[in-house]
Amino acid sequence: MYDIQESIKAQKKFCEDHQDPHFAPKDGRCWSCNQIIYTPGHHVWKGKSDGRESAGISVEKAGRELVTGCPHCFSSYCD
């Protein structure tokens, strides 16, 4: 399931529960490619879409894994 606000909450809770740093953008929008990481989007390479779709991060995934990068452009949030 994709829901931006629920994914943001799930990631925040995951980080709090595991005492991990919260690397993901607080509003869900990637600073590099400007896409919402918590919804499906398009793969981006060097500022341009390569035509392939990317899955994004579901609510379930946000609640069980630490988000460290963008699923669309692969930029790291923890470097």
PDB file of N, CA and C in Angstrom:
ATOM      1  N   MET A   1       0.845  -1.174   0.000  1.00  0.00           N
ATOM      2  CA  MET A   1       0.000   0.000   0.000  1.00  0.00           C
ATOM      3  C   MET A   1       0.894   1.242   0.000  1.00  0.00           C
ATOM      4  N   TYR A   2       0.500   2.215  -0.791  1.00  0.00           N
ATOM      5  CA  TYR A   2       1.230   3.477  -0.839  1.00  0.00           C
ATOM      6  C   TYR A   2       0.378   4.587  -0.234  1.00  0.00           C
ATOM      7  N   ASP A   3       0.930   5.276   0.728  1.00  0.00           N
ATOM      8  CA  ASP A   3       0.288   6.420   1.361  1.00  0.00           C
ATOM      9  C   ASP A   3       1.417   7.264   1.932  1.00  0.00           C
ATOM     10  N   ILE A   4       1.596   8.442   1.396  1.00  0.00           N
ATOM     11  CA  ILE A   4       2.746   9.274   1.753  1.00  0.00           C
ATOM     12  C   ILE A   4       2.797   9.562   3.246  1.00  0.00           C
ATOM     13  N   GLN A   5       1.707  10.061   3.800  1.00  0.00           N
ATOM     14  CA  GLN A   5       1.699  10.437   5.217  1.00  0.00           C
ATOM     15  C   GLN A   5       1.897   9.225   6.125  1.00  0.00           C
ATOM     16  N   GLU A   6       1.268   8.109   5.789  1.00  0.00           N
ATOM     17  CA  GLU A   6       1.433   6.900   6.598  1.00  0.00           C
ATOM     18  C   GLU A   6       2.861   6.368   6.503  1.00  0.00           C
ATOM     19  N   SER A   7       3.474   6.473   5.336  1.00  0.00           N
ATOM     20  CA  SER A   7       4.860   6.037   5.169  1.00  0.00           C
ATOM     21  C   SER A   7       5.813   6.916   5.973  1.00  0.00           C
ATOM     22  N   ILE A   8       5.568   8.211   5.967  1.00  0.00           N
ATOM     23  CA  ILE A   8       6.392   9.133   6.760  1.00  0.00           C
ATOM     24  C   ILE A   8       6.291   8.765   8.238  1.00  0.00           C
ATOM     25  N   LYS A   9       5.078   8.521   8.713  1.00  0.00           N
ATOM     26  CA  LYS A   9       4.871   8.128  10.114  1.00  0.00           C
ATOM     27  C   LYS A   9       5.541   6.789  10.414  1.00  0.00           C
ATOM     28  N   ALA A  10       5.404   5.830   9.495  1.00  0.00           N
ATOM     29  CA  ALA A  10       5.988   4.499   9.704  1.00  0.00           C
ATOM     30  C   ALA A  10       7.507   4.576   9.791  1.00  0.00           C
ATOM     31  N   GLN A  11       8.136   5.384   8.929  1.00  0.00           N
ATOM     32  CA  GLN A  11       9.588   5.517   8.957  1.00  0.00           C
ATOM     33  C   GLN A  11      10.031   6.208  10.247  1.00  0.00           C
ATOM     34  N   LYS A  12       9.307   7.221  10.646  1.00  0.00           N
ATOM     35  CA  LYS A  12       9.635   7.923  11.893  1.00  0.00           C
ATOM     36  C   LYS A  12       9.563   6.951  13.074  1.00  0.00           C
ATOM     37  N   LYS A  13       8.497   6.162  13.133  1.00  0.00           N
ATOM     38  CA  LYS A  13       8.331   5.196  14.215  1.00  0.00           C
ATOM     39  C   LYS A  13       9.421   4.134  14.182  1.00  0.00           C
ATOM     40  N   PHE A  14       9.752   3.639  12.983  1.00  0.00           N
ATOM     41  CA  PHE A  14      10.826   2.654  12.855  1.00  0.00           C
ATOM     42  C   PHE A  14      12.124   3.213  13.436  1.00  0.00           C
ATOM     43  N   CYS A  15      12.449   4.430  13.074  1.00  0.00           N
ATOM     44  CA  CYS A  15      13.694   5.051  13.555  1.00  0.00           C
ATOM     45  C   CYS A  15      13.677   5.219  15.072  1.00  0.00           C
ATOM     46  N   GLU A  16      12.548   5.648  15.609  1.00  0.00           N
ATOM     47  CA  GLU A  16      12.433   5.813  17.061  1.00  0.00           C
ATOM     48  C   GLU A  16      12.541   4.470  17.773  1.00  0.00           C
ATOM     49  N   ASP A  17      11.822   3.461  17.280  1.00  0.00           N
ATOM     50  CA  ASP A  17      11.813   2.141  17.915  1.00  0.00           C
ATOM     51  C   ASP A  17      13.182   1.473  17.895  1.00  0.00           C
ATOM     52  N   HIS A  18      13.948   1.685  16.833  1.00  0.00           N
ATOM     53  CA  HIS A  18      15.252   1.048  16.680  1.00  0.00           C
ATOM     54  C   HIS A  18      16.410   1.980  17.045  1.00  0.00           C
ATOM     55  N   GLN A  19      16.083   3.178  17.482  1.00  0.00           N
ATOM     56  CA  GLN A  19      17.076   4.202  17.827  1.00  0.00           C
ATOM     57  C   GLN A  19      18.057   4.430  16.675  1.00  0.00           C
ATOM     58  N   ASP A  20      17.487   4.468  15.466  1.00  0.00           N
ATOM     59  CA  ASP A  20      18.269   4.738  14.264  1.00  0.00           C
ATOM     60  C   ASP A  20      18.106   6.202  13.861  1.00  0.00           C
ATOM     61  N   PRO A  21      19.093   6.765  13.180  1.00  0.00           N
ATOM     62  CA  PRO A  21      18.941   8.131  12.666  1.00  0.00           C
ATOM     63  C   PRO A  21      17.888   8.161  11.555  1.00  0.00           C
ATOM     64  N   HIS A  22      17.171   9.255  11.456  1.00  0.00           N
ATOM     65  CA  HIS A  22      16.129   9.398  10.430  1.00  0.00           C
ATOM     66  C   HIS A  22      16.743  10.114   9.224  1.00  0.00           C
ATOM     67  N   PHE A  23      17.157   9.332   8.233  1.00  0.00           N
ATOM     68  CA  PHE A  23      17.808   9.882   7.044  1.00  0.00           C
ATOM     69  C   PHE A  23      16.816  10.348   5.981  1.00  0.00           C
ATOM     70  N   ALA A  24      15.667   9.713   5.890  1.00  0.00           N
ATOM     71  CA  ALA A  24      14.699  10.010   4.826  1.00  0.00           C
ATOM     72  C   ALA A  24      14.217  11.462   4.921  1.00  0.00           C
ATOM     73  N   PRO A  25      13.914  12.070   3.781  1.00  0.00           N
ATOM     74  CA  PRO A  25      13.394  13.439   3.803  1.00  0.00           C
ATOM     75  C   PRO A  25      12.097  13.489   4.619  1.00  0.00           C
ATOM     76  N   LYS A  26      11.988  14.463   5.490  1.00  0.00           N
ATOM     77  CA  LYS A  26      10.840  14.564   6.401  1.00  0.00           C
ATOM     78  C   LYS A  26       9.516  14.718   5.659  1.00  0.00           C
ATOM     79  N   ASP A  27       9.537  15.322   4.472  1.00  0.00           N
ATOM     80  CA  ASP A  27       8.296  15.503   3.699  1.00  0.00           C
ATOM     81  C   ASP A  27       8.124  14.424   2.630  1.00  0.00           C
ATOM     82  N   GLY A  28       9.097  13.508   2.522  1.00  0.00           N
ATOM     83  CA  GLY A  28       9.008  12.414   1.563  1.00  0.00           C
ATOM     84  C   GLY A  28       9.510  12.755   0.172  1.00  0.00           C
ATOM     85  N   ARG A  29       9.927  13.986  -0.058  1.00  0.00           N
ATOM     86  CA  ARG A  29      10.389  14.403  -1.388  1.00  0.00           C
ATOM     87  C   ARG A  29      11.908  14.362  -1.447  1.00  0.00           C
ATOM     88  N   CYS A  30      12.435  13.623  -2.420  1.00  0.00           N
ATOM     89  CA  CYS A  30      13.882  13.507  -2.588  1.00  0.00           C
ATOM     90  C   CYS A  30      14.488  14.861  -2.947  1.00  0.00           C
ATOM     91  N   TRP A  31      15.546  15.213  -2.271  1.00  0.00           N
ATOM     92  CA  TRP A  31      16.217  16.488  -2.532  1.00  0.00           C
ATOM     93  C   TRP A  31      16.954  16.474  -3.873  1.00  0.00           C
ATOM     94  N   SER A  32      17.244  15.267  -4.384  1.00  0.00           N
ATOM     95  CA  SER A  32      18.016  15.171  -5.617  1.00  0.00           C
ATOM     96  C   SER A  32      17.135  15.151  -6.875  1.00  0.00           C
ATOM     97  N   CYS A  33      16.129  14.266  -6.906  1.00  0.00           N
ATOM     98  CA  CYS A  33      15.304  14.136  -8.120  1.00  0.00           C
ATOM     99  C   CYS A  33      13.915  14.766  -7.978  1.00  0.00           C
ATOM    100  N   ASN A  34      13.602  15.215  -6.777  1.00  0.00           N
ATOM    101  CA  ASN A  34      12.345  15.924  -6.506  1.00  0.00           C
ATOM    102  C   ASN A  34      11.093  15.032  -6.590  1.00  0.00           C
ATOM    103  N   GLN A  35      11.268  13.716  -6.591  1.00  0.00           N
ATOM    104  CA  GLN A  35      10.130  12.802  -6.589  1.00  0.00           C
ATOM    105  C   GLN A  35       9.815  12.382  -5.155  1.00  0.00           C
ATOM    106  N   ILE A  36       8.579  12.010  -4.932  1.00  0.00           N
ATOM    107  CA  ILE A  36       8.180  11.489  -3.632  1.00  0.00           C
ATOM    108  C   ILE A  36       8.698  10.056  -3.521  1.00  0.00           C
ATOM    109  N   ILE A  37       9.457   9.770  -2.476  1.00  0.00           N
ATOM    110  CA  ILE A  37      10.047   8.443  -2.334  1.00  0.00           C
ATOM    111  C   ILE A  37       9.028   7.394  -1.916  1.00  0.00           C
ATOM    112  N   TYR A  38       7.903   7.819  -1.370  1.00  0.00           N
ATOM    113  CA  TYR A  38       6.895   6.893  -0.859  1.00  0.00           C
ATOM    114  C   TYR A  38       5.781   6.590  -1.861  1.00  0.00           C
ATOM    115  N   THR A  39       6.026   6.837  -3.130  1.00  0.00           N
ATOM    116  CA  THR A  39       5.087   6.483  -4.194  1.00  0.00           C
ATOM    117  C   THR A  39       5.880   5.937  -5.381  1.00  0.00           C
ATOM    118  N   PRO A  40       5.243   5.177  -6.262  1.00  0.00           N
ATOM    119  CA  PRO A  40       5.944   4.756  -7.479  1.00  0.00           C
ATOM    120  C   PRO A  40       6.361   5.980  -8.295  1.00  0.00           C
ATOM    121  N   GLY A  41       7.446   5.853  -9.014  1.00  0.00           N
ATOM    122  CA  GLY A  41       7.938   6.965  -9.830  1.00  0.00           C
ATOM    123  C   GLY A  41       8.699   6.437 -11.028  1.00  0.00           C
ATOM    124  N   HIS A  42       9.692   7.191 -11.450  1.00  0.00           N
ATOM    125  CA  HIS A  42      10.515   6.817 -12.608  1.00  0.00           C
ATOM    126  C   HIS A  42      11.979   6.853 -12.222  1.00  0.00           C
ATOM    127  N   HIS A  43      12.732   5.862 -12.704  1.00  0.00           N
ATOM    128  CA  HIS A  43      14.174   5.867 -12.479  1.00  0.00           C
ATOM    129  C   HIS A  43      14.763   7.107 -13.137  1.00  0.00           C
ATOM    130  N   VAL A  44      15.653   7.749 -12.432  1.00  0.00           N
ATOM    131  CA  VAL A  44      16.304   8.955 -12.930  1.00  0.00           C
ATOM    132  C   VAL A  44      17.806   8.746 -12.872  1.00  0.00           C
ATOM    133  N   TRP A  45      18.479   9.054 -13.964  1.00  0.00           N
ATOM    134  CA  TRP A  45      19.930   8.962 -14.027  1.00  0.00           C
ATOM    135  C   TRP A  45      20.473  10.257 -14.587  1.00  0.00           C
ATOM    136  N   LYS A  46      21.325  10.909 -13.830  1.00  0.00           N
ATOM    137  CA  LYS A  46      21.924  12.186 -14.216  1.00  0.00           C
ATOM    138  C   LYS A  46      20.859  13.212 -14.612  1.00  0.00           C
ATOM    139  N   GLY A  47      19.804  13.267 -13.818  1.00  0.00           N
ATOM    140  CA  GLY A  47      18.772  14.277 -14.008  1.00  0.00           C
ATOM    141  C   GLY A  47      17.702  13.957 -15.029  1.00  0.00           C
ATOM    142  N   LYS A  48      17.795  12.805 -15.695  1.00  0.00           N
ATOM    143  CA  LYS A  48      16.815  12.457 -16.723  1.00  0.00           C
ATOM    144  C   LYS A  48      16.205  11.092 -16.459  1.00  0.00           C
ATOM    145  N   SER A  49      14.914  10.971 -16.720  1.00  0.00           N
ATOM    146  CA  SER A  49      14.234   9.688 -16.589  1.00  0.00           C
ATOM    147  C   SER A  49      14.731   8.749 -17.679  1.00  0.00           C
ATOM    148  N   ASP A  50      14.971   7.512 -17.302  1.00  0.00           N
ATOM    149  CA  ASP A  50      15.398   6.538 -18.310  1.00  0.00           C
ATOM    150  C   ASP A  50      14.215   5.731 -18.850  1.00  0.00           C
ATOM    151  N   GLY A  51      12.999   6.125 -18.470  1.00  0.00           N
ATOM    152  CA  GLY A  51      11.797   5.485 -18.988  1.00  0.00           C
ATOM    153  C   GLY A  51      11.295   4.312 -18.167  1.00  0.00           C
ATOM    154  N   ARG A  52      12.112   3.823 -17.249  1.00  0.00           N
ATOM    155  CA  ARG A  52      11.686   2.704 -16.410  1.00  0.00           C
ATOM    156  C   ARG A  52      10.962   3.201 -15.173  1.00  0.00           C
ATOM    157  N   GLU A  53       9.989   2.441 -14.723  1.00  0.00           N
ATOM    158  CA  GLU A  53       9.276   2.791 -13.496  1.00  0.00           C
ATOM    159  C   GLU A  53      10.003   2.211 -12.295  1.00  0.00           C
ATOM    160  N   SER A  54       9.914   2.916 -11.184  1.00  0.00           N
ATOM    161  CA  SER A  54      10.478   2.422  -9.932  1.00  0.00           C
ATOM    162  C   SER A  54       9.351   2.277  -8.921  1.00  0.00           C
ATOM    163  N   ALA A  55       9.520   1.340  -8.015  1.00  0.00           N
ATOM    164  CA  ALA A  55       8.435   0.977  -7.107  1.00  0.00           C
ATOM    165  C   ALA A  55       8.165   1.996  -6.009  1.00  0.00           C
ATOM    166  N   GLY A  56       9.146   2.734  -5.581  1.00  0.00           N
ATOM    167  CA  GLY A  56       8.940   3.592  -4.430  1.00  0.00           C
ATOM    168  C   GLY A  56       8.970   2.765  -3.150  1.00  0.00           C
ATOM    169  N   ILE A  57       8.686   3.403  -2.034  1.00  0.00           N
ATOM    170  CA  ILE A  57       8.727   2.745  -0.734  1.00  0.00           C
ATOM    171  C   ILE A  57       7.316   2.694  -0.173  1.00  0.00           C
ATOM    172  N   SER A  58       6.811   1.487   0.022  1.00  0.00           N
ATOM    173  CA  SER A  58       5.461   1.308   0.540  1.00  0.00           C
ATOM    174  C   SER A  58       5.413   1.594   2.040  1.00  0.00           C
ATOM    175  N   VAL A  59       4.205   1.701   2.569  1.00  0.00           N
ATOM    176  CA  VAL A  59       4.024   1.895   4.007  1.00  0.00           C
ATOM    177  C   VAL A  59       4.668   0.732   4.762  1.00  0.00           C
ATOM    178  N   GLU A  60       4.449  -0.472   4.268  1.00  0.00           N
ATOM    179  CA  GLU A  60       4.994  -1.659   4.927  1.00  0.00           C
ATOM    180  C   GLU A  60       6.525  -1.633   4.967  1.00  0.00           C
ATOM    181  N   LYS A  61       7.124  -1.285   3.848  1.00  0.00           N
ATOM    182  CA  LYS A  61       8.587  -1.235   3.787  1.00  0.00           C
ATOM    183  C   LYS A  61       9.129  -0.119   4.682  1.00  0.00           C
ATOM    184  N   ALA A  62       8.470   1.016   4.689  1.00  0.00           N
ATOM    185  CA  ALA A  62       8.898   2.131   5.542  1.00  0.00           C
ATOM    186  C   ALA A  62       8.827   1.757   7.016  1.00  0.00           C
ATOM    187  N   GLY A  63       7.927   0.847   7.362  1.00  0.00           N
ATOM    188  CA  GLY A  63       7.771   0.421   8.740  1.00  0.00           C
ATOM    189  C   GLY A  63       8.699  -0.697   9.170  1.00  0.00           C
ATOM    190  N   ARG A  64       9.419  -1.301   8.222  1.00  0.00           N
ATOM    191  CA  ARG A  64      10.290  -2.424   8.589  1.00  0.00           C
ATOM    192  C   ARG A  64      11.759  -2.248   8.195  1.00  0.00           C
ATOM    193  N   GLU A  65      12.095  -1.173   7.461  1.00  0.00           N
ATOM    194  CA  GLU A  65      13.478  -0.964   7.028  1.00  0.00           C
ATOM    195  C   GLU A  65      13.874   0.500   7.186  1.00  0.00           C
ATOM    196  N   LEU A  66      15.154   0.719   7.457  1.00  0.00           N
ATOM    197  CA  LEU A  66      15.683   2.072   7.514  1.00  0.00           C
ATOM    198  C   LEU A  66      15.852   2.597   6.093  1.00  0.00           C
ATOM    199  N   VAL A  67      15.261   3.725   5.791  1.00  0.00           N
ATOM    200  CA  VAL A  67      15.385   4.343   4.475  1.00  0.00           C
ATOM    201  C   VAL A  67      16.684   5.145   4.449  1.00  0.00           C
ATOM    202  N   THR A  68      17.585   4.769   3.539  1.00  0.00           N
ATOM    203  CA  THR A  68      18.879   5.450   3.457  1.00  0.00           C
ATOM    204  C   THR A  68      19.129   6.101   2.106  1.00  0.00           C
ATOM    205  N   GLY A  69      18.176   5.935   1.178  1.00  0.00           N
ATOM    206  CA  GLY A  69      18.371   6.526  -0.139  1.00  0.00           C
ATOM    207  C   GLY A  69      17.098   6.540  -0.946  1.00  0.00           C
ATOM    208  N   CYS A  70      17.159   7.186  -2.076  1.00  0.00           N
ATOM    209  CA  CYS A  70      16.007   7.340  -2.955  1.00  0.00           C
ATOM    210  C   CYS A  70      15.826   6.110  -3.845  1.00  0.00           C
ATOM    211  N   PRO A  71      14.616   5.568  -3.912  1.00  0.00           N
ATOM    212  CA  PRO A  71      14.371   4.415  -4.771  1.00  0.00           C
ATOM    213  C   PRO A  71      14.272   4.776  -6.258  1.00  0.00           C
ATOM    214  N   HIS A  72      14.250   6.070  -6.547  1.00  0.00           N
ATOM    215  CA  HIS A  72      14.088   6.521  -7.930  1.00  0.00           C
ATOM    216  C   HIS A  72      15.420   6.938  -8.570  1.00  0.00           C
ATOM    217  N   CYS A  73      16.217   7.717  -7.843  1.00  0.00           N
ATOM    218  CA  CYS A  73      17.486   8.190  -8.416  1.00  0.00           C
ATOM    219  C   CYS A  73      18.707   7.604  -7.712  1.00  0.00           C
ATOM    220  N   PHE A  74      18.469   6.827  -6.659  1.00  0.00           N
ATOM    221  CA  PHE A  74      19.520   6.133  -5.924  1.00  0.00           C
ATOM    222  C   PHE A  74      20.468   7.054  -5.171  1.00  0.00           C
ATOM    223  N   SER A  75      20.065   8.314  -4.954  1.00  0.00           N
ATOM    224  CA  SER A  75      20.886   9.214  -4.132  1.00  0.00           C
ATOM    225  C   SER A  75      20.873   8.719  -2.697  1.00  0.00           C
ATOM    226  N   SER A  76      22.018   8.822  -2.054  1.00  0.00           N
ATOM    227  CA  SER A  76      22.133   8.405  -0.665  1.00  0.00           C
ATOM    228  C   SER A  76      21.746   9.565   0.250  1.00  0.00           C
ATOM    229  N   TYR A  77      21.059   9.248   1.338  1.00  0.00           N
ATOM    230  CA  TYR A  77      20.692  10.247   2.338  1.00  0.00           C
ATOM    231  C   TYR A  77      21.617  10.184   3.550  1.00  0.00           C
ATOM    232  N   CYS A  78      22.582   9.277   3.530  1.00  0.00           N
ATOM    233  CA  CYS A  78      23.398   9.110   4.726  1.00  0.00           C
ATOM    234  C   CYS A  78      24.900   9.265   4.461  1.00  0.00           C
ATOM    235  N   ASP A  79      25.285   9.810   3.340  1.00  0.00           N
ATOM    236  CA  ASP A  79      26.712  10.027   3.069  1.00  0.00           C
ATOM    237  C   ASP A  79      27.218  11.255   3.781  1.00  0.00           C
TER     238      ASP A  79
END
